[in-house]
Amino acid sequence: MSIFYETLILLKEKKDPKSFILNFNENLKSINVLLEKSDSEVMVFNDDRNEEEKEPIWLDTSMTDEEVVDLVCSWKGLGLLTYRHQDFQYDLGINYLTWNDKYLSGFVVSYAHKDTLFEDDRHKKLISKISEFIDYEYVIGNISIDSKIYIRMEDSLEKIKEHILKNSFEIDSRTW
């Protein structure tokens, strides 16, 4: 089982998923975070609010970024896209999240735990750069299942915000 370091970024305002992700993807390219589209890459979808599931879709190298974004936005629960950055040995994932099956409310950036064991803070620096592209309400990490302050993305957005207010985090935009 893999262990991940996860950072939750909640947006101040809900956004249209397609336009946000397309624009965000262009911003990510400017800091060398590139959408992974190899023949061995699979796009995983989140369950919707009624717990309906959608089967994963295999990507291929011939797809454009817009086609990949169209696929993730074609499902009301949105989903996880994989990215690469030269400073990290492993892929990083960005799981686009909705709590109403219509608008994007935030996303989770996840790193392989082995990539966050460096003595430097390269993952924190990358999160800081990513946060500059968006109008966020909270940027908090580490919220993964193996942390003491784990956040279940299946919980309501209100419950998640309550949890944030009651805790402090390794990465916490409230202290910036």
N, C-alpha and C. Protein backbone atom coordinates (compact mmCIF):
# COMPACT_ATOMS: atom_id res chain seq x y z
N MET A 1 0.84 -1.18 0.00
CA MET A 1 0.00 0.00 0.00
C MET A 1 0.89 1.24 0.00
N SER A 2 0.55 2.18 -0.84
CA SER A 2 1.30 3.42 -0.92
C SER A 2 0.80 4.41 0.12
N ILE A 3 1.72 5.21 0.61
CA ILE A 3 1.38 6.27 1.54
C ILE A 3 1.56 7.59 0.80
N PHE A 4 0.59 8.48 0.96
CA PHE A 4 0.63 9.76 0.27
C PHE A 4 0.60 10.91 1.25
N TYR A 5 1.21 12.00 0.85
CA TYR A 5 1.14 13.27 1.57
C TYR A 5 0.10 14.09 0.81
N GLU A 6 -0.94 14.55 1.48
CA GLU A 6 -2.03 15.24 0.80
C GLU A 6 -2.24 16.64 1.36
N THR A 7 -2.48 17.57 0.44
CA THR A 7 -2.80 18.95 0.80
C THR A 7 -4.14 19.31 0.17
N LEU A 8 -5.05 19.80 1.00
CA LEU A 8 -6.37 20.22 0.54
C LEU A 8 -6.36 21.72 0.28
N ILE A 9 -6.86 22.10 -0.89
CA ILE A 9 -7.02 23.51 -1.23
C ILE A 9 -8.51 23.73 -1.51
N LEU A 10 -9.14 24.51 -0.63
CA LEU A 10 -10.55 24.84 -0.81
C LEU A 10 -10.65 26.23 -1.42
N LEU A 11 -11.48 26.36 -2.43
CA LEU A 11 -11.67 27.63 -3.11
C LEU A 11 -12.61 28.54 -2.32
N LYS A 12 -12.40 29.84 -2.45
CA LYS A 12 -13.29 30.80 -1.78
C LYS A 12 -14.69 30.74 -2.37
N GLU A 13 -14.75 30.54 -3.70
CA GLU A 13 -16.04 30.47 -4.39
C GLU A 13 -16.06 29.25 -5.28
N LYS A 14 -17.23 28.65 -5.42
CA LYS A 14 -17.39 27.51 -6.32
C LYS A 14 -17.11 27.96 -7.75
N LYS A 15 -16.57 27.05 -8.54
CA LYS A 15 -16.19 27.38 -9.92
C LYS A 15 -16.76 26.37 -10.90
N ASP A 16 -16.94 26.82 -12.13
CA ASP A 16 -17.28 25.91 -13.21
C ASP A 16 -16.07 24.99 -13.41
N PRO A 17 -16.24 23.67 -13.32
CA PRO A 17 -15.08 22.78 -13.37
C PRO A 17 -14.23 22.91 -14.64
N LYS A 18 -14.87 22.91 -15.80
CA LYS A 18 -14.09 22.89 -17.04
C LYS A 18 -13.25 24.15 -17.20
N SER A 19 -13.85 25.32 -17.05
CA SER A 19 -13.07 26.54 -17.25
C SER A 19 -11.98 26.68 -16.20
N PHE A 20 -12.27 26.31 -14.94
CA PHE A 20 -11.26 26.39 -13.90
C PHE A 20 -10.10 25.45 -14.20
N ILE A 21 -10.39 24.19 -14.49
CA ILE A 21 -9.32 23.20 -14.68
C ILE A 21 -8.49 23.54 -15.91
N LEU A 22 -9.12 23.98 -17.00
CA LEU A 22 -8.36 24.37 -18.19
C LEU A 22 -7.40 25.51 -17.88
N ASN A 23 -7.88 26.54 -17.21
CA ASN A 23 -7.04 27.68 -16.86
C ASN A 23 -5.96 27.27 -15.85
N PHE A 24 -6.34 26.50 -14.86
CA PHE A 24 -5.41 26.03 -13.84
C PHE A 24 -4.31 25.17 -14.47
N ASN A 25 -4.70 24.33 -15.41
CA ASN A 25 -3.74 23.48 -16.11
C ASN A 25 -2.69 24.32 -16.84
N GLU A 26 -3.11 25.42 -17.46
CA GLU A 26 -2.17 26.31 -18.13
C GLU A 26 -1.22 26.96 -17.11
N ASN A 27 -1.77 27.36 -15.96
CA ASN A 27 -0.92 27.92 -14.91
C ASN A 27 0.08 26.89 -14.39
N LEU A 28 -0.36 25.66 -14.23
CA LEU A 28 0.54 24.60 -13.76
C LEU A 28 1.70 24.39 -14.74
N LYS A 29 1.41 24.48 -16.02
CA LYS A 29 2.47 24.33 -17.03
C LYS A 29 3.56 25.38 -16.83
N SER A 30 3.18 26.57 -16.39
CA SER A 30 4.16 27.65 -16.21
C SER A 30 5.16 27.36 -15.10
N ILE A 31 4.84 26.40 -14.23
CA ILE A 31 5.77 25.99 -13.17
C ILE A 31 6.20 24.53 -13.37
N ASN A 32 6.09 24.07 -14.60
CA ASN A 32 6.54 22.74 -15.02
C ASN A 32 5.80 21.59 -14.33
N VAL A 33 4.55 21.79 -14.00
CA VAL A 33 3.68 20.71 -13.54
C VAL A 33 2.84 20.33 -14.75
N LEU A 34 3.13 19.16 -15.31
CA LEU A 34 2.56 18.78 -16.59
C LEU A 34 1.62 17.59 -16.47
N LEU A 35 0.49 17.69 -17.14
CA LEU A 35 -0.50 16.63 -17.17
C LEU A 35 0.11 15.38 -17.79
N GLU A 36 -0.04 14.26 -17.11
CA GLU A 36 0.50 12.98 -17.58
C GLU A 36 -0.54 12.30 -18.47
N LYS A 37 -0.14 11.96 -19.71
CA LYS A 37 -1.08 11.36 -20.66
C LYS A 37 -0.48 10.14 -21.35
N SER A 38 0.21 9.31 -20.63
CA SER A 38 0.83 8.14 -21.25
C SER A 38 -0.21 7.03 -21.44
N ASP A 39 0.16 6.03 -22.22
CA ASP A 39 -0.73 4.90 -22.47
C ASP A 39 -0.96 4.05 -21.23
N SER A 40 -0.17 4.24 -20.21
CA SER A 40 -0.34 3.47 -18.97
C SER A 40 -1.05 4.29 -17.89
N GLU A 41 -1.53 5.46 -18.23
CA GLU A 41 -2.19 6.35 -17.26
C GLU A 41 -3.69 6.10 -17.26
N VAL A 42 -4.25 6.05 -16.07
CA VAL A 42 -5.69 5.85 -15.94
C VAL A 42 -6.27 7.05 -15.17
N MET A 43 -7.43 7.51 -15.64
CA MET A 43 -8.15 8.57 -14.95
C MET A 43 -9.18 7.91 -14.04
N VAL A 44 -9.12 8.25 -12.76
CA VAL A 44 -10.03 7.68 -11.77
C VAL A 44 -11.05 8.75 -11.39
N PHE A 45 -12.30 8.33 -11.34
CA PHE A 45 -13.38 9.27 -11.03
C PHE A 45 -13.82 9.12 -9.58
N ASN A 46 -14.24 10.24 -8.99
CA ASN A 46 -14.81 10.21 -7.64
C ASN A 46 -16.25 9.73 -7.71
N ASP A 47 -16.72 9.10 -6.65
CA ASP A 47 -18.14 8.80 -6.55
C ASP A 47 -18.90 10.11 -6.50
N ASP A 48 -20.10 10.12 -7.05
CA ASP A 48 -20.91 11.33 -6.92
C ASP A 48 -21.55 11.35 -5.54
N ARG A 49 -22.33 12.35 -5.24
CA ARG A 49 -22.93 12.50 -3.91
C ARG A 49 -23.93 11.39 -3.60
N ASN A 50 -24.46 10.72 -4.62
CA ASN A 50 -25.36 9.58 -4.42
C ASN A 50 -24.59 8.26 -4.38
N GLU A 51 -23.27 8.37 -4.33
CA GLU A 51 -22.36 7.24 -4.29
C GLU A 51 -22.39 6.39 -5.56
N GLU A 52 -22.82 6.98 -6.66
CA GLU A 52 -22.72 6.31 -7.95
C GLU A 52 -21.27 6.35 -8.38
N GLU A 53 -20.84 5.30 -9.06
CA GLU A 53 -19.45 5.20 -9.50
C GLU A 53 -19.37 5.25 -11.01
N LYS A 54 -18.22 5.67 -11.49
CA LYS A 54 -17.93 5.65 -12.93
C LYS A 54 -16.64 4.88 -13.11
N GLU A 55 -16.60 4.03 -14.09
CA GLU A 55 -15.42 3.22 -14.36
C GLU A 55 -14.24 4.11 -14.77
N PRO A 56 -13.03 3.75 -14.36
CA PRO A 56 -11.84 4.51 -14.79
C PRO A 56 -11.68 4.46 -16.31
N ILE A 57 -10.97 5.44 -16.83
CA ILE A 57 -10.72 5.53 -18.28
C ILE A 57 -9.21 5.57 -18.49
N TRP A 58 -8.74 4.77 -19.43
CA TRP A 58 -7.32 4.79 -19.80
C TRP A 58 -7.06 5.95 -20.74
N LEU A 59 -6.02 6.69 -20.48
CA LEU A 59 -5.62 7.81 -21.34
C LEU A 59 -4.62 7.31 -22.36
N ASP A 60 -4.32 8.14 -23.35
CA ASP A 60 -3.24 7.80 -24.28
C ASP A 60 -2.52 9.06 -24.71
N THR A 61 -1.36 8.88 -25.26
CA THR A 61 -0.47 10.00 -25.60
C THR A 61 -1.04 10.92 -26.66
N SER A 62 -2.00 10.45 -27.45
CA SER A 62 -2.55 11.29 -28.52
C SER A 62 -3.58 12.29 -28.01
N MET A 63 -4.00 12.17 -26.77
CA MET A 63 -5.03 13.07 -26.23
C MET A 63 -4.46 14.45 -25.94
N THR A 64 -5.27 15.46 -26.18
CA THR A 64 -4.88 16.83 -25.80
C THR A 64 -5.26 17.06 -24.34
N ASP A 65 -4.69 18.09 -23.76
CA ASP A 65 -5.05 18.45 -22.39
C ASP A 65 -6.55 18.73 -22.30
N GLU A 66 -7.09 19.41 -23.28
CA GLU A 66 -8.52 19.74 -23.26
C GLU A 66 -9.38 18.48 -23.30
N GLU A 67 -8.97 17.48 -24.07
CA GLU A 67 -9.73 16.22 -24.10
C GLU A 67 -9.71 15.53 -22.74
N VAL A 68 -8.57 15.58 -22.07
CA VAL A 68 -8.47 14.97 -20.74
C VAL A 68 -9.36 15.74 -19.76
N VAL A 69 -9.31 17.05 -19.80
CA VAL A 69 -10.15 17.86 -18.92
C VAL A 69 -11.63 17.62 -19.23
N ASP A 70 -11.98 17.50 -20.50
CA ASP A 70 -13.36 17.18 -20.87
C ASP A 70 -13.81 15.87 -20.23
N LEU A 71 -12.92 14.88 -20.23
CA LEU A 71 -13.27 13.59 -19.63
C LEU A 71 -13.53 13.71 -18.14
N VAL A 72 -12.64 14.39 -17.42
CA VAL A 72 -12.84 14.50 -15.97
C VAL A 72 -14.10 15.31 -15.67
N CYS A 73 -14.41 16.30 -16.51
CA CYS A 73 -15.58 17.14 -16.28
C CYS A 73 -16.87 16.50 -16.79
N SER A 74 -16.75 15.41 -17.53
CA SER A 74 -17.94 14.72 -18.03
C SER A 74 -18.66 13.96 -16.92
N TRP A 75 -18.00 13.78 -15.80
CA TRP A 75 -18.59 13.06 -14.67
C TRP A 75 -18.88 14.05 -13.55
N LYS A 76 -20.09 14.01 -13.02
CA LYS A 76 -20.51 14.98 -12.01
C LYS A 76 -19.68 14.94 -10.73
N GLY A 77 -19.04 13.81 -10.42
CA GLY A 77 -18.20 13.71 -9.23
C GLY A 77 -16.77 14.17 -9.45
N LEU A 78 -16.44 14.52 -10.71
CA LEU A 78 -15.08 14.89 -11.11
C LEU A 78 -14.10 13.75 -10.81
N GLY A 79 -12.81 14.03 -10.64
CA GLY A 79 -11.88 12.93 -10.41
C GLY A 79 -10.44 13.38 -10.32
N LEU A 80 -9.57 12.39 -10.42
CA LEU A 80 -8.14 12.53 -10.19
C LEU A 80 -7.37 12.53 -11.50
N LEU A 81 -6.51 13.54 -11.67
CA LEU A 81 -5.59 13.60 -12.80
C LEU A 81 -4.17 13.49 -12.27
N THR A 82 -3.31 12.91 -13.07
CA THR A 82 -1.92 12.71 -12.68
C THR A 82 -1.03 13.72 -13.41
N TYR A 83 -0.06 14.25 -12.67
CA TYR A 83 0.85 15.25 -13.19
C TYR A 83 2.29 14.83 -12.89
N ARG A 84 3.22 15.42 -13.63
CA ARG A 84 4.65 15.20 -13.40
C ARG A 84 5.32 16.54 -13.17
N HIS A 85 6.36 16.51 -12.33
CA HIS A 85 7.20 17.68 -12.09
C HIS A 85 8.63 17.17 -11.94
N GLN A 86 9.57 17.86 -12.54
CA GLN A 86 10.96 17.38 -12.58
C GLN A 86 11.60 17.25 -11.20
N ASP A 87 11.10 17.94 -10.19
CA ASP A 87 11.68 17.86 -8.85
C ASP A 87 11.21 16.66 -8.05
N PHE A 88 10.28 15.89 -8.61
CA PHE A 88 9.71 14.76 -7.88
C PHE A 88 9.92 13.46 -8.65
N GLN A 89 10.32 12.44 -7.93
CA GLN A 89 10.58 11.15 -8.55
C GLN A 89 9.28 10.49 -9.02
N TYR A 90 8.22 10.68 -8.25
CA TYR A 90 6.95 10.03 -8.55
C TYR A 90 5.92 11.06 -9.03
N ASP A 91 4.84 10.54 -9.62
CA ASP A 91 3.75 11.40 -10.06
C ASP A 91 3.13 12.11 -8.88
N LEU A 92 2.49 13.24 -9.16
CA LEU A 92 1.63 13.85 -8.16
C LEU A 92 0.22 13.84 -8.72
N GLY A 93 -0.73 13.69 -7.83
CA GLY A 93 -2.12 13.65 -8.26
C GLY A 93 -2.84 14.90 -7.83
N ILE A 94 -3.77 15.32 -8.66
CA ILE A 94 -4.67 16.41 -8.26
C ILE A 94 -6.08 15.86 -8.42
N ASN A 95 -6.74 15.74 -7.27
CA ASN A 95 -8.10 15.22 -7.24
C ASN A 95 -9.06 16.40 -7.15
N TYR A 96 -9.77 16.65 -8.24
CA TYR A 96 -10.70 17.77 -8.32
C TYR A 96 -12.01 17.37 -7.63
N LEU A 97 -12.49 18.23 -6.72
CA LEU A 97 -13.58 17.86 -5.82
C LEU A 97 -14.80 18.76 -5.94
N THR A 98 -15.95 18.14 -5.80
CA THR A 98 -17.21 18.84 -5.75
C THR A 98 -18.02 18.26 -4.60
N TRP A 99 -18.75 19.11 -3.92
CA TRP A 99 -19.62 18.62 -2.85
C TRP A 99 -21.09 18.77 -3.23
N ASN A 100 -21.35 19.16 -4.50
CA ASN A 100 -22.74 19.27 -4.95
C ASN A 100 -22.95 18.67 -6.34
N ASP A 101 -21.92 18.00 -6.87
CA ASP A 101 -21.97 17.37 -8.19
C ASP A 101 -22.21 18.34 -9.33
N LYS A 102 -21.92 19.60 -9.10
CA LYS A 102 -22.09 20.60 -10.15
C LYS A 102 -20.88 21.53 -10.25
N TYR A 103 -20.45 22.07 -9.13
CA TYR A 103 -19.36 23.04 -9.14
C TYR A 103 -18.13 22.49 -8.44
N LEU A 104 -16.98 22.95 -8.90
CA LEU A 104 -15.71 22.62 -8.27
C LEU A 104 -15.56 23.49 -7.02
N SER A 105 -15.27 22.85 -5.88
CA SER A 105 -15.11 23.58 -4.63
C SER A 105 -13.70 23.52 -4.09
N GLY A 106 -12.88 22.65 -4.64
CA GLY A 106 -11.52 22.51 -4.18
C GLY A 106 -10.83 21.33 -4.81
N PHE A 107 -9.62 21.06 -4.34
CA PHE A 107 -8.88 19.91 -4.85
C PHE A 107 -7.82 19.49 -3.84
N VAL A 108 -7.39 18.25 -3.97
CA VAL A 108 -6.35 17.70 -3.13
C VAL A 108 -5.14 17.41 -4.00
N VAL A 109 -3.98 17.92 -3.59
CA VAL A 109 -2.71 17.61 -4.26
C VAL A 109 -2.05 16.52 -3.43
N SER A 110 -1.71 15.41 -4.07
CA SER A 110 -1.09 14.30 -3.33
C SER A 110 0.27 13.95 -3.94
N TYR A 111 1.20 13.65 -3.04
CA TYR A 111 2.56 13.26 -3.40
C TYR A 111 2.82 11.89 -2.82
N ALA A 112 3.66 11.11 -3.48
CA ALA A 112 4.13 9.87 -2.88
C ALA A 112 4.94 10.24 -1.64
N HIS A 113 4.73 9.50 -0.57
CA HIS A 113 5.41 9.79 0.69
C HIS A 113 6.93 9.85 0.51
N LYS A 114 7.47 9.00 -0.36
CA LYS A 114 8.92 8.99 -0.58
C LYS A 114 9.42 10.33 -1.11
N ASP A 115 8.57 11.04 -1.85
CA ASP A 115 8.96 12.35 -2.38
C ASP A 115 8.88 13.46 -1.34
N THR A 116 8.23 13.21 -0.22
CA THR A 116 8.12 14.24 0.81
C THR A 116 9.07 13.98 1.97
N LEU A 117 9.90 12.97 1.85
CA LEU A 117 10.85 12.65 2.90
C LEU A 117 12.17 13.40 2.76
N PHE A 118 12.28 14.21 1.70
CA PHE A 118 13.49 14.99 1.50
C PHE A 118 13.69 15.93 2.69
N GLU A 119 14.94 16.28 2.93
CA GLU A 119 15.22 17.21 4.01
C GLU A 119 14.75 18.62 3.68
N ASP A 120 14.64 18.92 2.40
CA ASP A 120 14.13 20.24 2.02
C ASP A 120 12.60 20.20 1.97
N ASP A 121 12.02 21.33 1.64
CA ASP A 121 10.56 21.45 1.62
C ASP A 121 10.04 21.67 0.21
N ARG A 122 10.53 20.91 -0.74
CA ARG A 122 10.13 21.14 -2.14
C ARG A 122 8.63 20.99 -2.35
N HIS A 123 7.97 20.07 -1.65
CA HIS A 123 6.52 19.94 -1.83
C HIS A 123 5.80 21.15 -1.25
N LYS A 124 6.28 21.71 -0.15
CA LYS A 124 5.67 22.91 0.42
C LYS A 124 5.87 24.11 -0.51
N LYS A 125 7.03 24.19 -1.13
CA LYS A 125 7.30 25.28 -2.08
C LYS A 125 6.38 25.19 -3.29
N LEU A 126 6.17 23.95 -3.77
CA LEU A 126 5.29 23.77 -4.92
C LEU A 126 3.85 24.13 -4.55
N ILE A 127 3.40 23.72 -3.39
CA ILE A 127 2.04 24.08 -2.93
C ILE A 127 1.91 25.60 -2.85
N SER A 128 2.92 26.28 -2.36
CA SER A 128 2.90 27.73 -2.28
C SER A 128 2.75 28.35 -3.67
N LYS A 129 3.50 27.83 -4.65
CA LYS A 129 3.39 28.34 -6.02
C LYS A 129 2.00 28.08 -6.59
N ILE A 130 1.48 26.87 -6.36
CA ILE A 130 0.15 26.52 -6.86
C ILE A 130 -0.90 27.44 -6.25
N SER A 131 -0.78 27.73 -4.98
CA SER A 131 -1.78 28.56 -4.30
C SER A 131 -1.82 29.99 -4.86
N GLU A 132 -0.75 30.43 -5.47
CA GLU A 132 -0.72 31.77 -6.06
C GLU A 132 -1.65 31.90 -7.27
N PHE A 133 -2.03 30.77 -7.86
CA PHE A 133 -2.87 30.79 -9.05
C PHE A 133 -4.35 30.88 -8.75
N ILE A 134 -4.72 30.72 -7.49
CA ILE A 134 -6.14 30.62 -7.19
C ILE A 134 -6.53 31.50 -6.01
N ASP A 135 -7.81 31.78 -5.94
CA ASP A 135 -8.38 32.50 -4.82
C ASP A 135 -8.90 31.43 -3.85
N TYR A 136 -8.11 31.13 -2.84
CA TYR A 136 -8.44 30.03 -1.93
C TYR A 136 -8.98 30.53 -0.61
N GLU A 137 -9.73 29.65 0.03
CA GLU A 137 -10.18 29.90 1.39
C GLU A 137 -9.21 29.27 2.38
N TYR A 138 -8.81 28.02 2.11
CA TYR A 138 -7.86 27.30 2.95
C TYR A 138 -6.90 26.49 2.09
N VAL A 139 -5.66 26.41 2.53
CA VAL A 139 -4.66 25.49 2.00
C VAL A 139 -4.10 24.78 3.22
N ILE A 140 -4.38 23.48 3.33
CA ILE A 140 -3.95 22.75 4.52
C ILE A 140 -3.39 21.38 4.17
N GLY A 141 -2.35 20.97 4.85
CA GLY A 141 -1.76 19.65 4.66
C GLY A 141 -0.91 19.32 5.87
N ASN A 142 -0.70 18.19 6.18
CA ASN A 142 -0.99 16.90 5.61
C ASN A 142 -2.31 16.38 6.18
N ILE A 143 -3.22 16.01 5.28
CA ILE A 143 -4.53 15.55 5.69
C ILE A 143 -4.78 14.11 5.26
N SER A 144 -3.72 13.39 4.90
CA SER A 144 -3.89 12.02 4.40
C SER A 144 -4.30 11.06 5.51
N ILE A 145 -4.70 9.88 5.11
CA ILE A 145 -5.27 8.90 6.02
C ILE A 145 -4.29 8.48 7.13
N ASP A 146 -3.01 8.58 6.88
CA ASP A 146 -2.03 8.19 7.90
C ASP A 146 -1.64 9.34 8.84
N SER A 147 -2.24 10.53 8.64
CA SER A 147 -1.93 11.65 9.53
C SER A 147 -2.89 11.68 10.71
N LYS A 148 -2.51 12.39 11.74
CA LYS A 148 -3.35 12.50 12.94
C LYS A 148 -4.57 13.38 12.69
N ILE A 149 -4.53 14.19 11.65
CA ILE A 149 -5.62 15.12 11.37
C ILE A 149 -6.27 14.84 10.01
N TYR A 150 -6.44 13.57 9.73
CA TYR A 150 -7.04 13.09 8.49
C TYR A 150 -8.40 13.75 8.25
N ILE A 151 -8.64 14.11 7.00
CA ILE A 151 -9.93 14.66 6.60
C ILE A 151 -10.54 13.74 5.55
N ARG A 152 -11.77 13.33 5.82
CA ARG A 152 -12.51 12.49 4.86
C ARG A 152 -13.20 13.39 3.84
N MET A 153 -12.85 13.25 2.59
CA MET A 153 -13.45 14.08 1.55
C MET A 153 -14.92 13.71 1.31
N GLU A 154 -15.35 12.58 1.84
CA GLU A 154 -16.75 12.17 1.72
C GLU A 154 -17.65 12.94 2.69
N ASP A 155 -17.05 13.56 3.71
CA ASP A 155 -17.82 14.36 4.65
C ASP A 155 -18.36 15.61 3.95
N SER A 156 -19.34 16.24 4.56
CA SER A 156 -19.88 17.47 3.99
C SER A 156 -18.82 18.57 4.04
N LEU A 157 -18.96 19.53 3.16
CA LEU A 157 -18.02 20.65 3.13
C LEU A 157 -18.06 21.41 4.45
N GLU A 158 -19.23 21.55 5.03
CA GLU A 158 -19.36 22.24 6.32
C GLU A 158 -18.59 21.50 7.41
N LYS A 159 -18.70 20.18 7.44
CA LYS A 159 -18.00 19.38 8.45
C LYS A 159 -16.48 19.48 8.26
N ILE A 160 -16.05 19.50 7.01
CA ILE A 160 -14.62 19.63 6.72
C ILE A 160 -14.10 20.99 7.20
N LYS A 161 -14.85 22.04 6.94
CA LYS A 161 -14.44 23.37 7.39
C LYS A 161 -14.40 23.45 8.91
N GLU A 162 -15.34 22.81 9.59
CA GLU A 162 -15.33 22.77 11.05
C GLU A 162 -14.06 22.07 11.54
N HIS A 163 -13.70 20.97 10.89
CA HIS A 163 -12.49 20.22 11.25
C HIS A 163 -11.25 21.10 11.06
N ILE A 164 -11.22 21.84 9.98
CA ILE A 164 -10.09 22.74 9.71
C ILE A 164 -9.96 23.77 10.83
N LEU A 165 -11.07 24.36 11.22
CA LEU A 165 -11.04 25.40 12.25
C LEU A 165 -10.60 24.89 13.61
N LYS A 166 -10.79 23.61 13.87
CA LYS A 166 -10.44 23.02 15.17
C LYS A 166 -9.02 22.47 15.23
N ASN A 167 -8.29 22.51 14.12
CA ASN A 167 -6.97 21.89 14.07
C ASN A 167 -5.94 22.81 13.45
N SER A 168 -4.68 22.45 13.65
CA SER A 168 -3.59 23.12 12.95
C SER A 168 -2.91 22.07 12.08
N PHE A 169 -2.25 22.53 11.04
CA PHE A 169 -1.72 21.63 10.03
C PHE A 169 -0.28 21.99 9.70
N GLU A 170 0.43 21.03 9.17
CA GLU A 170 1.83 21.25 8.77
C GLU A 170 1.92 22.36 7.72
N ILE A 171 1.05 22.32 6.76
CA ILE A 171 0.88 23.42 5.81
C ILE A 171 -0.46 24.06 6.16
N ASP A 172 -0.47 25.37 6.40
CA ASP A 172 -1.70 26.01 6.84
C ASP A 172 -1.70 27.48 6.40
N SER A 173 -2.53 27.78 5.43
CA SER A 173 -2.56 29.15 4.88
C SER A 173 -2.99 30.18 5.92
N ARG A 174 -3.61 29.75 6.99
CA ARG A 174 -4.01 30.70 8.04
C ARG A 174 -2.81 31.28 8.78
N THR A 175 -1.65 30.66 8.60
CA THR A 175 -0.45 31.16 9.28
C THR A 175 0.51 31.86 8.32
N TRP A 176 0.12 32.03 7.07
CA TRP A 176 1.00 32.67 6.08
C TRP A 176 1.00 34.16 6.24
